[in-house]
N, C-alpha and C. Protein backbone atom coordinates (compact mmCIF):
# COMPACT_ATOMS: atom_id res chain seq x y z
N MET A 1 120.86 105.82 83.98
CA MET A 1 119.69 105.64 83.14
C MET A 1 118.94 104.36 83.49
N ARG A 2 119.69 103.27 83.64
CA ARG A 2 119.06 101.99 83.91
C ARG A 2 118.35 102.01 85.25
N THR A 3 118.97 102.60 86.28
CA THR A 3 118.34 102.67 87.59
C THR A 3 117.07 103.50 87.55
N LYS A 4 117.11 104.63 86.83
CA LYS A 4 115.93 105.49 86.75
C LYS A 4 114.79 104.78 86.06
N LEU A 5 115.08 104.09 84.96
CA LEU A 5 114.04 103.37 84.24
C LEU A 5 113.45 102.28 85.10
N LEU A 6 114.31 101.55 85.82
CA LEU A 6 113.84 100.45 86.65
C LEU A 6 112.94 100.95 87.76
N THR A 7 113.31 102.06 88.40
CA THR A 7 112.49 102.63 89.45
C THR A 7 111.12 103.02 88.92
N LEU A 8 111.09 103.62 87.74
CA LEU A 8 109.83 104.02 87.13
C LEU A 8 108.97 102.81 86.84
N ILE A 9 109.57 101.76 86.30
CA ILE A 9 108.81 100.57 85.94
C ILE A 9 108.18 99.94 87.18
N ILE A 10 108.94 99.84 88.26
CA ILE A 10 108.40 99.27 89.49
C ILE A 10 107.19 100.06 89.96
N SER A 11 107.31 101.38 89.95
CA SER A 11 106.21 102.23 90.39
C SER A 11 104.98 102.04 89.51
N LEU A 12 105.19 101.99 88.20
CA LEU A 12 104.08 101.84 87.27
C LEU A 12 103.36 100.52 87.47
N VAL A 13 104.13 99.45 87.57
CA VAL A 13 103.52 98.13 87.69
C VAL A 13 102.71 98.03 88.97
N VAL A 14 103.24 98.53 90.07
CA VAL A 14 102.51 98.49 91.33
C VAL A 14 101.24 99.34 91.24
N LEU A 15 101.34 100.49 90.60
CA LEU A 15 100.20 101.40 90.53
C LEU A 15 99.06 100.86 89.68
N ILE A 16 99.38 100.19 88.57
CA ILE A 16 98.31 99.88 87.63
C ILE A 16 97.89 98.43 87.61
N SER A 17 98.54 97.54 88.37
CA SER A 17 98.25 96.12 88.22
C SER A 17 97.16 95.67 89.19
N SER A 18 95.97 95.43 88.67
CA SER A 18 94.89 94.88 89.48
C SER A 18 94.06 93.95 88.62
N LYS A 19 93.47 92.93 89.22
CA LYS A 19 92.70 91.98 88.45
C LYS A 19 91.46 92.63 87.86
N ALA A 20 91.04 92.13 86.73
CA ALA A 20 89.92 92.73 86.03
C ALA A 20 88.59 92.39 86.67
N GLN A 21 87.68 93.34 86.64
CA GLN A 21 86.30 93.12 87.04
C GLN A 21 85.48 94.19 86.35
N ASP A 22 84.62 93.80 85.42
CA ASP A 22 83.86 94.75 84.62
C ASP A 22 84.81 95.70 83.90
N ASN A 23 84.90 96.96 84.38
CA ASN A 23 85.77 97.93 83.71
C ASN A 23 87.13 98.03 84.38
N CYS A 24 87.49 97.05 85.19
CA CYS A 24 88.82 96.95 85.80
C CYS A 24 89.10 98.10 86.78
N SER A 25 88.09 98.68 87.35
CA SER A 25 88.31 99.89 88.12
C SER A 25 88.23 99.70 89.63
N THR A 26 88.27 98.45 90.11
CA THR A 26 88.14 98.25 91.55
C THR A 26 89.22 98.97 92.32
N PHE A 27 90.48 98.81 91.92
CA PHE A 27 91.57 99.50 92.60
C PHE A 27 92.32 100.46 91.68
N TYR A 28 91.77 100.66 90.49
CA TYR A 28 92.43 101.59 89.58
C TYR A 28 91.41 102.12 88.58
N PRO A 29 91.27 103.43 88.45
CA PRO A 29 90.26 104.00 87.55
C PRO A 29 90.69 104.02 86.09
N MET A 30 90.29 103.00 85.34
CA MET A 30 90.59 102.97 83.91
C MET A 30 89.50 103.74 83.17
N THR A 31 89.41 105.02 83.45
CA THR A 31 88.42 105.91 82.87
C THR A 31 89.12 107.04 82.16
N GLU A 32 88.76 107.29 80.91
CA GLU A 32 89.40 108.35 80.15
C GLU A 32 89.25 109.69 80.86
N GLY A 33 90.36 110.40 81.00
CA GLY A 33 90.37 111.68 81.70
C GLY A 33 90.77 111.60 83.16
N ALA A 34 90.78 110.39 83.71
CA ALA A 34 91.22 110.24 85.10
C ALA A 34 92.68 110.66 85.23
N SER A 35 93.01 111.39 86.27
CA SER A 35 94.39 111.84 86.46
C SER A 35 94.73 111.81 87.94
N PHE A 36 95.99 111.59 88.23
CA PHE A 36 96.44 111.57 89.61
C PHE A 36 97.93 111.86 89.64
N SER A 37 98.36 112.49 90.72
CA SER A 37 99.77 112.86 90.83
C SER A 37 100.28 112.53 92.22
N TYR A 38 101.60 112.36 92.32
CA TYR A 38 102.24 111.99 93.58
C TYR A 38 103.43 112.89 93.86
N ASN A 39 103.63 113.17 95.13
CA ASN A 39 104.87 113.79 95.60
C ASN A 39 105.76 112.70 96.18
N ILE A 40 107.03 112.74 95.83
CA ILE A 40 108.00 111.76 96.34
C ILE A 40 108.94 112.47 97.30
N TYR A 41 109.10 111.90 98.49
CA TYR A 41 109.91 112.49 99.55
C TYR A 41 111.12 111.62 99.83
N ASP A 42 112.26 112.25 100.13
CA ASP A 42 113.45 111.49 100.48
C ASP A 42 113.45 111.16 101.97
N LYS A 43 114.53 110.54 102.45
CA LYS A 43 114.59 110.13 103.84
C LYS A 43 114.66 111.30 104.81
N LYS A 44 114.94 112.50 104.29
CA LYS A 44 114.92 113.71 105.12
C LYS A 44 113.57 114.41 105.05
N ASP A 45 112.60 113.74 104.43
CA ASP A 45 111.23 114.23 104.30
C ASP A 45 111.13 115.48 103.44
N LYS A 46 112.03 115.59 102.47
CA LYS A 46 111.97 116.70 101.52
C LYS A 46 111.52 116.16 100.16
N ILE A 47 110.72 116.96 99.43
CA ILE A 47 110.24 116.52 98.13
C ILE A 47 111.41 116.38 97.16
N SER A 48 111.57 115.20 96.61
CA SER A 48 112.68 114.93 95.69
C SER A 48 112.20 114.75 94.26
N GLY A 49 110.87 114.67 94.07
CA GLY A 49 110.35 114.50 92.72
C GLY A 49 108.84 114.40 92.72
N THR A 50 108.27 114.37 91.54
CA THR A 50 106.83 114.24 91.36
C THR A 50 106.57 113.28 90.20
N THR A 51 105.39 112.67 90.22
CA THR A 51 104.96 111.83 89.11
C THR A 51 103.50 112.11 88.82
N GLU A 52 103.19 112.37 87.54
CA GLU A 52 101.82 112.68 87.14
C GLU A 52 101.34 111.63 86.13
N TYR A 53 100.13 111.12 86.35
CA TYR A 53 99.53 110.12 85.48
C TYR A 53 98.20 110.64 84.93
N GLU A 54 97.89 110.29 83.68
CA GLU A 54 96.59 110.60 83.11
C GLU A 54 96.18 109.51 82.13
N VAL A 55 94.93 109.05 82.25
CA VAL A 55 94.39 108.09 81.29
C VAL A 55 93.91 108.90 80.09
N ILE A 56 94.61 108.82 78.98
CA ILE A 56 94.30 109.70 77.85
C ILE A 56 93.41 109.02 76.81
N ASN A 57 93.25 107.70 76.92
CA ASN A 57 92.37 107.01 75.97
C ASN A 57 91.98 105.65 76.53
N VAL A 58 90.71 105.25 76.31
CA VAL A 58 90.24 103.92 76.69
C VAL A 58 89.51 103.32 75.50
N ASP A 59 89.96 102.15 75.07
CA ASP A 59 89.38 101.46 73.91
C ASP A 59 88.75 100.16 74.39
N ASN A 60 87.42 100.04 74.26
CA ASN A 60 86.71 98.85 74.70
C ASN A 60 86.37 97.91 73.55
N SER A 61 86.86 98.20 72.36
CA SER A 61 86.59 97.33 71.21
C SER A 61 87.50 96.11 71.25
N GLY A 62 87.06 95.05 70.60
CA GLY A 62 87.91 93.86 70.52
C GLY A 62 87.78 92.93 71.70
N GLY A 63 86.85 93.19 72.61
CA GLY A 63 86.62 92.28 73.74
C GLY A 63 87.40 92.61 74.99
N ASN A 64 88.49 93.35 74.89
CA ASN A 64 89.29 93.74 76.04
C ASN A 64 89.29 95.26 76.18
N THR A 65 89.60 95.72 77.37
CA THR A 65 89.74 97.15 77.60
C THR A 65 91.21 97.52 77.55
N VAL A 66 91.56 98.48 76.67
CA VAL A 66 92.94 98.94 76.55
C VAL A 66 92.97 100.42 76.92
N ALA A 67 93.73 100.73 77.97
CA ALA A 67 93.87 102.11 78.40
C ALA A 67 95.27 102.61 78.07
N THR A 68 95.34 103.81 77.54
CA THR A 68 96.63 104.45 77.27
C THR A 68 96.89 105.50 78.33
N LEU A 69 98.03 105.39 78.98
CA LEU A 69 98.39 106.32 80.05
C LEU A 69 99.54 107.21 79.64
N SER A 70 99.46 108.45 80.07
CA SER A 70 100.55 109.40 79.92
C SER A 70 101.19 109.59 81.29
N VAL A 71 102.50 109.55 81.32
CA VAL A 71 103.22 109.68 82.58
C VAL A 71 104.29 110.76 82.46
N LYS A 72 104.34 111.63 83.45
CA LYS A 72 105.37 112.65 83.52
C LYS A 72 106.10 112.51 84.85
N VAL A 73 107.41 112.28 84.77
CA VAL A 73 108.23 112.14 85.96
C VAL A 73 109.05 113.42 86.11
N GLY A 74 108.92 114.08 87.25
CA GLY A 74 109.64 115.33 87.49
C GLY A 74 110.70 115.17 88.55
N GLY A 75 111.81 115.91 88.40
CA GLY A 75 112.89 115.88 89.37
C GLY A 75 113.62 117.20 89.37
N ASP A 76 114.57 117.33 90.28
CA ASP A 76 115.32 118.58 90.40
C ASP A 76 116.25 118.81 89.22
N LYS A 77 116.70 117.71 88.59
CA LYS A 77 117.65 117.81 87.50
C LYS A 77 117.00 117.36 86.19
N PRO A 78 117.43 117.95 85.05
CA PRO A 78 116.84 117.57 83.76
C PRO A 78 116.90 116.07 83.48
N LYS A 79 117.97 115.40 83.89
CA LYS A 79 118.10 113.98 83.61
C LYS A 79 117.13 113.15 84.44
N GLU A 80 116.52 113.76 85.46
CA GLU A 80 115.54 113.06 86.29
C GLU A 80 114.12 113.28 85.79
N GLN A 81 113.96 114.02 84.68
CA GLN A 81 112.65 114.31 84.12
C GLN A 81 112.40 113.42 82.92
N MET A 82 111.16 112.98 82.80
CA MET A 82 110.85 112.01 81.76
C MET A 82 109.36 112.06 81.42
N GLU A 83 109.03 111.81 80.15
CA GLU A 83 107.64 111.69 79.72
C GLU A 83 107.51 110.45 78.85
N LEU A 84 106.42 109.71 79.02
CA LEU A 84 106.19 108.54 78.20
C LEU A 84 104.70 108.21 78.18
N GLU A 85 104.32 107.35 77.22
CA GLU A 85 102.98 106.81 77.13
C GLU A 85 103.08 105.30 77.02
N TYR A 86 102.11 104.59 77.55
CA TYR A 86 102.12 103.13 77.43
C TYR A 86 100.70 102.61 77.55
N ASP A 87 100.49 101.38 77.07
CA ASP A 87 99.17 100.77 77.05
C ASP A 87 99.05 99.69 78.13
N VAL A 88 97.86 99.62 78.72
CA VAL A 88 97.52 98.58 79.68
C VAL A 88 96.30 97.86 79.14
N THR A 89 96.38 96.55 78.97
CA THR A 89 95.27 95.76 78.46
C THR A 89 94.62 95.00 79.60
N CYS A 90 93.30 95.17 79.74
CA CYS A 90 92.56 94.50 80.79
C CYS A 90 91.72 93.39 80.17
N THR A 91 91.96 92.16 80.60
CA THR A 91 91.22 91.00 80.12
C THR A 91 90.41 90.41 81.27
N GLY A 92 89.73 89.32 81.00
CA GLY A 92 88.95 88.69 82.05
C GLY A 92 89.81 88.07 83.14
N ASP A 93 91.10 87.86 82.87
CA ASP A 93 91.98 87.22 83.84
C ASP A 93 92.88 88.21 84.58
N GLY A 94 92.97 89.44 84.10
CA GLY A 94 93.83 90.40 84.77
C GLY A 94 94.32 91.47 83.82
N ILE A 95 95.39 92.12 84.20
CA ILE A 95 95.94 93.21 83.40
C ILE A 95 97.27 92.79 82.80
N SER A 96 97.45 93.12 81.53
CA SER A 96 98.69 92.80 80.83
C SER A 96 99.42 94.10 80.48
N ILE A 97 100.70 94.15 80.78
CA ILE A 97 101.51 95.34 80.55
C ILE A 97 102.63 95.02 79.58
N ASP A 98 102.79 95.84 78.57
CA ASP A 98 103.92 95.71 77.65
C ASP A 98 105.09 96.47 78.26
N PHE A 99 105.95 95.76 78.99
CA PHE A 99 107.05 96.40 79.69
C PHE A 99 107.93 97.23 78.76
N ASN A 100 108.17 96.68 77.57
CA ASN A 100 109.06 97.37 76.64
C ASN A 100 108.47 98.69 76.14
N SER A 101 107.14 98.84 76.18
CA SER A 101 106.54 100.09 75.74
C SER A 101 106.83 101.23 76.70
N MET A 102 107.35 100.92 77.88
CA MET A 102 107.66 101.95 78.86
C MET A 102 108.98 102.67 78.57
N ILE A 103 109.69 102.21 77.56
CA ILE A 103 110.92 102.88 77.18
C ILE A 103 110.55 104.11 76.34
N SER A 104 110.73 105.28 76.90
CA SER A 104 110.33 106.52 76.25
C SER A 104 111.27 106.84 75.08
N PRO A 105 110.83 107.69 74.15
CA PRO A 105 111.72 108.13 73.06
C PRO A 105 113.02 108.73 73.60
N GLN A 106 112.92 109.44 74.73
CA GLN A 106 114.11 110.03 75.34
C GLN A 106 115.12 108.96 75.71
N LEU A 107 114.65 107.90 76.35
CA LEU A 107 115.53 106.81 76.75
C LEU A 107 116.01 106.03 75.53
N GLN A 108 115.13 105.86 74.54
CA GLN A 108 115.52 105.13 73.34
C GLN A 108 116.65 105.85 72.62
N THR A 109 116.57 107.18 72.56
CA THR A 109 117.64 107.96 71.93
C THR A 109 118.95 107.77 72.67
N GLN A 110 118.89 107.80 73.99
CA GLN A 110 120.10 107.61 74.79
C GLN A 110 120.69 106.22 74.56
N MET A 111 119.82 105.22 74.48
CA MET A 111 120.31 103.86 74.27
C MET A 111 120.90 103.70 72.87
N ASP A 112 120.28 104.35 71.87
CA ASP A 112 120.81 104.28 70.51
C ASP A 112 122.22 104.89 70.46
N GLN A 113 122.40 106.00 71.17
CA GLN A 113 123.71 106.65 71.20
C GLN A 113 124.76 105.77 71.88
N MET A 114 124.30 104.92 72.78
CA MET A 114 125.21 104.02 73.50
C MET A 114 125.30 102.65 72.83
N ASN A 115 124.60 102.49 71.67
CA ASN A 115 124.54 101.19 70.99
C ASN A 115 124.04 100.11 71.95
N ALA A 116 122.99 100.45 72.69
CA ALA A 116 122.46 99.52 73.69
C ALA A 116 121.09 99.01 73.28
N GLU A 117 120.82 97.76 73.63
CA GLU A 117 119.52 97.16 73.42
C GLU A 117 118.98 96.70 74.76
N VAL A 118 117.68 96.94 74.99
CA VAL A 118 117.07 96.59 76.26
C VAL A 118 115.81 95.77 76.01
N ASP A 119 115.65 94.70 76.76
CA ASP A 119 114.44 93.89 76.72
C ASP A 119 113.94 93.72 78.15
N ILE A 120 112.65 94.00 78.35
CA ILE A 120 112.07 93.93 79.69
C ILE A 120 110.95 92.91 79.70
N SER A 121 110.98 92.01 80.66
CA SER A 121 109.95 90.98 80.79
C SER A 121 109.68 90.73 82.27
N GLY A 122 108.69 89.90 82.55
CA GLY A 122 108.45 89.59 83.95
C GLY A 122 107.05 89.10 84.23
N VAL A 123 106.78 88.95 85.51
CA VAL A 123 105.47 88.53 86.01
C VAL A 123 104.86 89.70 86.76
N ASN A 124 103.68 90.15 86.32
CA ASN A 124 103.07 91.34 86.88
C ASN A 124 102.70 91.20 88.35
N VAL A 125 102.75 92.32 89.04
CA VAL A 125 102.16 92.40 90.37
C VAL A 125 100.64 92.35 90.18
N VAL A 126 99.97 91.45 90.90
CA VAL A 126 98.52 91.33 90.79
C VAL A 126 97.86 91.67 92.12
N ILE A 127 96.86 92.55 92.07
CA ILE A 127 96.10 92.91 93.25
C ILE A 127 94.66 92.47 93.01
N PRO A 128 94.18 91.42 93.70
CA PRO A 128 92.80 90.96 93.49
C PRO A 128 91.79 92.06 93.82
N ASN A 129 90.61 91.95 93.21
CA ASN A 129 89.57 92.94 93.47
C ASN A 129 89.09 92.91 94.92
N GLU A 130 89.07 91.73 95.51
CA GLU A 130 88.62 91.60 96.90
C GLU A 130 89.82 91.30 97.79
N LEU A 131 90.09 92.19 98.73
CA LEU A 131 91.19 92.00 99.68
C LEU A 131 90.65 91.80 101.09
N THR A 132 91.37 91.00 101.87
CA THR A 132 91.03 90.79 103.28
C THR A 132 92.31 90.83 104.10
N VAL A 133 92.22 91.34 105.31
CA VAL A 133 93.38 91.39 106.19
C VAL A 133 93.86 89.97 106.48
N GLY A 134 95.17 89.76 106.33
CA GLY A 134 95.75 88.44 106.52
C GLY A 134 95.96 87.68 105.22
N GLN A 135 95.49 88.22 104.12
CA GLN A 135 95.60 87.57 102.81
C GLN A 135 97.03 87.63 102.28
N ASN A 136 97.50 86.51 101.72
CA ASN A 136 98.80 86.47 101.05
C ASN A 136 98.60 86.64 99.55
N LEU A 137 99.48 87.41 98.91
CA LEU A 137 99.38 87.69 97.48
C LEU A 137 100.54 87.07 96.72
N ASP A 138 100.35 86.88 95.43
CA ASP A 138 101.35 86.21 94.60
C ASP A 138 102.62 87.05 94.44
N ASP A 139 103.74 86.35 94.27
CA ASP A 139 105.02 87.02 94.01
C ASP A 139 105.02 87.61 92.60
N ALA A 140 105.98 88.50 92.35
CA ALA A 140 106.13 89.09 91.02
C ALA A 140 107.62 89.27 90.72
N GLU A 141 107.92 89.49 89.44
CA GLU A 141 109.32 89.63 89.04
C GLU A 141 109.45 90.46 87.78
N ILE A 142 110.45 91.31 87.73
CA ILE A 142 110.77 92.07 86.53
C ILE A 142 112.23 91.80 86.18
N ILE A 143 112.49 91.50 84.92
CA ILE A 143 113.84 91.25 84.45
C ILE A 143 114.14 92.21 83.31
N MET A 144 115.22 92.99 83.44
CA MET A 144 115.63 93.89 82.38
C MET A 144 117.01 93.44 81.87
N ALA A 145 117.03 93.03 80.61
CA ALA A 145 118.28 92.57 80.00
C ALA A 145 118.81 93.65 79.06
N MET A 146 120.02 94.10 79.32
CA MET A 146 120.65 95.13 78.49
C MET A 146 121.90 94.57 77.84
N SER A 147 122.04 94.85 76.53
CA SER A 147 123.23 94.46 75.80
C SER A 147 123.86 95.72 75.22
N MET A 148 125.13 95.95 75.54
CA MET A 148 125.81 97.16 75.09
C MET A 148 127.25 96.85 74.74
N SER A 149 127.60 97.07 73.47
CA SER A 149 128.97 96.82 72.98
C SER A 149 129.43 95.41 73.31
N GLY A 150 128.53 94.45 73.13
CA GLY A 150 128.89 93.06 73.37
C GLY A 150 128.84 92.64 74.81
N ILE A 151 128.55 93.55 75.73
CA ILE A 151 128.48 93.24 77.15
C ILE A 151 127.01 93.12 77.55
N LYS A 152 126.66 92.02 78.19
CA LYS A 152 125.28 91.80 78.62
C LYS A 152 125.16 92.05 80.12
N MET A 153 124.13 92.80 80.49
CA MET A 153 123.89 93.13 81.89
C MET A 153 122.41 92.88 82.20
N ASN A 154 122.15 92.10 83.22
CA ASN A 154 120.78 91.83 83.63
C ASN A 154 120.48 92.48 84.98
N THR A 155 119.28 93.00 85.09
CA THR A 155 118.80 93.53 86.36
C THR A 155 117.50 92.82 86.70
N GLU A 156 117.43 92.27 87.89
CA GLU A 156 116.23 91.53 88.32
C GLU A 156 115.65 92.19 89.56
N VAL A 157 114.33 92.29 89.58
CA VAL A 157 113.63 92.82 90.75
C VAL A 157 112.53 91.83 91.12
N ARG A 158 112.61 91.26 92.31
CA ARG A 158 111.61 90.30 92.76
C ARG A 158 110.81 90.89 93.91
N THR A 159 109.51 90.71 93.85
CA THR A 159 108.60 91.17 94.90
C THR A 159 108.00 89.94 95.57
N THR A 160 108.33 89.74 96.84
CA THR A 160 107.91 88.53 97.55
C THR A 160 107.29 88.91 98.90
N ASP A 161 106.79 87.90 99.59
CA ASP A 161 106.20 88.08 100.94
C ASP A 161 105.10 89.15 100.92
N ARG A 162 104.29 89.17 99.89
CA ARG A 162 103.24 90.17 99.77
C ARG A 162 102.04 89.80 100.63
N LYS A 163 101.65 90.71 101.49
CA LYS A 163 100.57 90.43 102.44
C LYS A 163 99.68 91.66 102.62
N VAL A 164 98.41 91.39 102.95
CA VAL A 164 97.49 92.45 103.36
C VAL A 164 97.50 92.44 104.89
N VAL A 165 97.99 93.51 105.51
CA VAL A 165 98.25 93.47 106.95
C VAL A 165 97.26 94.29 107.78
N ALA A 166 96.50 95.20 107.15
CA ALA A 166 95.61 96.04 107.95
C ALA A 166 94.66 96.83 107.07
N LYS A 167 93.68 97.50 107.71
CA LYS A 167 92.84 98.50 107.07
C LYS A 167 92.96 99.78 107.87
N GLU A 168 93.26 100.89 107.20
CA GLU A 168 93.48 102.16 107.88
C GLU A 168 92.92 103.31 107.07
N SER A 169 92.61 104.40 107.77
CA SER A 169 92.22 105.64 107.11
C SER A 169 93.47 106.51 106.99
N VAL A 170 93.73 107.03 105.79
CA VAL A 170 94.94 107.80 105.53
C VAL A 170 94.59 109.15 104.92
N SER A 171 95.25 110.20 105.41
CA SER A 171 95.04 111.54 104.87
C SER A 171 96.28 112.01 104.13
N THR A 172 96.08 112.57 102.93
CA THR A 172 97.15 113.14 102.13
C THR A 172 96.65 114.48 101.58
N PRO A 173 97.48 115.23 100.85
CA PRO A 173 97.00 116.47 100.25
C PRO A 173 95.79 116.28 99.33
N ALA A 174 95.55 115.04 98.86
CA ALA A 174 94.43 114.77 97.96
C ALA A 174 93.14 114.46 98.71
N GLY A 175 93.21 114.26 100.04
CA GLY A 175 92.02 113.95 100.82
C GLY A 175 92.26 112.81 101.79
N THR A 176 91.17 112.30 102.35
CA THR A 176 91.23 111.19 103.31
C THR A 176 90.59 109.96 102.68
N PHE A 177 91.27 108.82 102.80
CA PHE A 177 90.84 107.61 102.11
C PHE A 177 90.88 106.41 103.06
N ASP A 178 89.91 105.51 102.91
CA ASP A 178 89.94 104.23 103.61
C ASP A 178 90.78 103.26 102.78
N CYS A 179 91.80 102.70 103.39
CA CYS A 179 92.80 101.94 102.64
C CYS A 179 93.05 100.55 103.21
N TYR A 180 93.44 99.66 102.33
CA TYR A 180 94.07 98.40 102.73
C TYR A 180 95.58 98.67 102.78
N VAL A 181 96.25 98.06 103.75
CA VAL A 181 97.70 98.22 103.89
C VAL A 181 98.38 96.93 103.43
N LEU A 182 99.25 97.04 102.45
CA LEU A 182 99.97 95.91 101.89
C LEU A 182 101.47 96.06 102.15
N THR A 183 102.13 94.97 102.49
CA THR A 183 103.58 94.99 102.65
C THR A 183 104.21 93.95 101.72
N ALA A 184 105.48 94.18 101.38
CA ALA A 184 106.19 93.25 100.50
C ALA A 184 107.69 93.44 100.68
N THR A 185 108.44 92.40 100.31
CA THR A 185 109.89 92.47 100.29
C THR A 185 110.34 92.63 98.84
N ILE A 186 111.17 93.64 98.57
CA ILE A 186 111.67 93.89 97.22
C ILE A 186 113.16 93.55 97.19
N SER A 187 113.55 92.65 96.31
CA SER A 187 114.95 92.25 96.18
C SER A 187 115.43 92.60 94.77
N THR A 188 116.53 93.33 94.68
CA THR A 188 117.07 93.70 93.38
C THR A 188 118.47 93.10 93.22
N LYS A 189 118.77 92.73 91.99
CA LYS A 189 120.06 92.16 91.66
C LYS A 189 120.53 92.74 90.34
N ALA A 190 121.64 93.44 90.36
CA ALA A 190 122.19 94.05 89.15
C ALA A 190 123.69 93.82 89.14
N MET A 191 124.17 93.04 88.17
CA MET A 191 125.58 92.69 88.12
C MET A 191 125.99 92.05 89.44
N MET A 192 126.95 92.65 90.14
CA MET A 192 127.42 92.10 91.42
C MET A 192 126.71 92.73 92.61
N ALA A 193 125.83 93.69 92.37
CA ALA A 193 125.19 94.41 93.46
C ALA A 193 123.82 93.80 93.79
N LYS A 194 123.54 93.67 95.07
CA LYS A 194 122.26 93.18 95.54
C LYS A 194 121.70 94.13 96.59
N MET A 195 120.40 94.28 96.62
CA MET A 195 119.78 95.17 97.60
C MET A 195 118.39 94.63 97.95
N THR A 196 118.04 94.73 99.22
CA THR A 196 116.73 94.28 99.68
C THR A 196 116.11 95.38 100.53
N PHE A 197 114.84 95.65 100.29
CA PHE A 197 114.13 96.62 101.11
C PHE A 197 112.68 96.20 101.26
N THR A 198 111.98 96.87 102.16
CA THR A 198 110.58 96.56 102.45
C THR A 198 109.69 97.68 101.94
N ASP A 199 108.62 97.30 101.30
CA ASP A 199 107.67 98.25 100.74
C ASP A 199 106.36 98.17 101.51
N LYS A 200 105.75 99.32 101.80
CA LYS A 200 104.47 99.39 102.49
C LYS A 200 103.56 100.31 101.69
N ILE A 201 102.38 99.81 101.30
CA ILE A 201 101.49 100.54 100.42
C ILE A 201 100.10 100.65 101.04
N TRP A 202 99.52 101.85 100.95
CA TRP A 202 98.14 102.09 101.35
C TRP A 202 97.31 102.19 100.07
N LEU A 203 96.34 101.30 99.90
CA LEU A 203 95.61 101.16 98.65
C LEU A 203 94.12 101.39 98.87
N ALA A 204 93.51 102.30 98.11
CA ALA A 204 92.09 102.61 98.24
C ALA A 204 91.33 102.20 96.99
N LYS A 205 90.12 101.71 97.17
CA LYS A 205 89.29 101.33 96.03
C LYS A 205 88.96 102.55 95.19
N ASP A 206 88.94 102.34 93.87
CA ASP A 206 88.62 103.37 92.88
C ASP A 206 89.67 104.48 92.80
N VAL A 207 90.75 104.36 93.55
CA VAL A 207 91.79 105.38 93.55
C VAL A 207 93.14 104.78 93.21
N GLY A 208 93.50 103.68 93.89
CA GLY A 208 94.82 103.09 93.73
C GLY A 208 95.69 103.40 94.93
N ILE A 209 96.98 103.59 94.69
CA ILE A 209 97.90 103.87 95.78
C ILE A 209 97.68 105.27 96.31
N VAL A 210 97.50 105.37 97.61
CA VAL A 210 97.34 106.65 98.30
C VAL A 210 98.65 107.07 98.95
N LYS A 211 99.38 106.06 99.44
CA LYS A 211 100.64 106.34 100.13
C LYS A 211 101.54 105.13 99.99
N GLN A 212 102.85 105.38 99.93
CA GLN A 212 103.82 104.30 99.83
C GLN A 212 105.07 104.67 100.61
N GLU A 213 105.57 103.73 101.40
CA GLU A 213 106.80 103.95 102.16
C GLU A 213 107.79 102.82 101.86
N THR A 214 109.06 103.17 101.75
CA THR A 214 110.11 102.20 101.49
C THR A 214 111.13 102.24 102.62
N TYR A 215 111.44 101.07 103.17
CA TYR A 215 112.37 100.96 104.29
C TYR A 215 113.60 100.15 103.89
N ASN A 216 114.79 100.55 104.36
CA ASN A 216 115.99 99.80 104.04
C ASN A 216 116.08 98.55 104.91
N LYS A 217 117.14 97.76 104.71
CA LYS A 217 117.25 96.48 105.40
C LYS A 217 117.39 96.63 106.91
N LYS A 218 117.72 97.85 107.38
CA LYS A 218 117.81 98.10 108.81
C LYS A 218 116.48 98.58 109.39
N GLY A 219 115.46 98.68 108.53
CA GLY A 219 114.15 99.09 108.99
C GLY A 219 113.95 100.59 109.06
N LYS A 220 114.88 101.36 108.49
CA LYS A 220 114.76 102.81 108.53
C LYS A 220 114.09 103.31 107.24
N LEU A 221 113.24 104.34 107.39
CA LEU A 221 112.52 104.90 106.25
C LEU A 221 113.50 105.50 105.26
N ASP A 222 113.42 105.06 103.99
CA ASP A 222 114.33 105.55 102.96
C ASP A 222 113.65 106.58 102.05
N SER A 223 112.38 106.37 101.76
CA SER A 223 111.62 107.31 100.95
C SER A 223 110.13 107.04 101.13
N ARG A 224 109.32 108.00 100.70
CA ARG A 224 107.87 107.82 100.73
C ARG A 224 107.22 108.57 99.59
N MET A 225 106.01 108.17 99.27
CA MET A 225 105.26 108.79 98.18
C MET A 225 103.82 108.98 98.64
N GLU A 226 103.24 110.15 98.34
CA GLU A 226 101.87 110.44 98.74
C GLU A 226 101.06 110.97 97.55
N LEU A 227 99.79 110.62 97.54
CA LEU A 227 98.90 111.12 96.52
C LEU A 227 98.68 112.62 96.73
N ALA A 228 99.03 113.41 95.73
CA ALA A 228 98.92 114.87 95.85
C ALA A 228 97.62 115.39 95.26
N SER A 229 97.13 114.72 94.19
CA SER A 229 95.86 115.12 93.57
C SER A 229 95.24 113.93 92.88
N PHE A 230 93.91 113.96 92.75
CA PHE A 230 93.20 112.86 92.12
C PHE A 230 91.91 113.37 91.51
N GLN A 231 91.69 113.02 90.25
CA GLN A 231 90.46 113.41 89.58
C GLN A 231 90.00 112.26 88.69
N LYS A 232 88.79 111.80 88.91
CA LYS A 232 88.28 110.65 88.16
C LYS A 232 87.30 111.12 87.10
């Protein structure tokens, strides 16, 4: 459960975190009704899951823009399927995410049955509105603290060495897009286990992530994700 939630959170934060500009839509469409879906492939290049996103509400009152997103995570097994909603607040300085709101009722029920409490905090991934090849981006971190039956377990995910390395045209089932290519090092620490891998993202204006590849510490492709559909 913890691994699944953590993977989802990482994907969400990367997908939706961009600095604000007007309606915050430079690299992400915060427009009611916008929807996009992804196919996730394993290292054997077989589809292992899907993720569907939809902006179901946008509130511009109060000086900030607050978008509510619906997310559906699909997998081969029932335990790999999940639905949740969460809010993203866009201010003049960037986007703020309530990490704890990403805990779906399904997960909350499971945690209640296990007498577990979870608190999620961190520093958001930020993608400036204007990108240039060779640009270095700020680090980010997510910390998930779980307490269960008196036992405390922390999971940390750090995103470092973030760089804009190229501009490329990329084709997926959703179409062809002009993208910036971003790379980063992802380091995870959970109890006694540590893992490091490299992330490569193709990012298009007004769309967001078009393609994502994850490589293990030996440089071999471990998984990839592609935009399957997009409607703004």
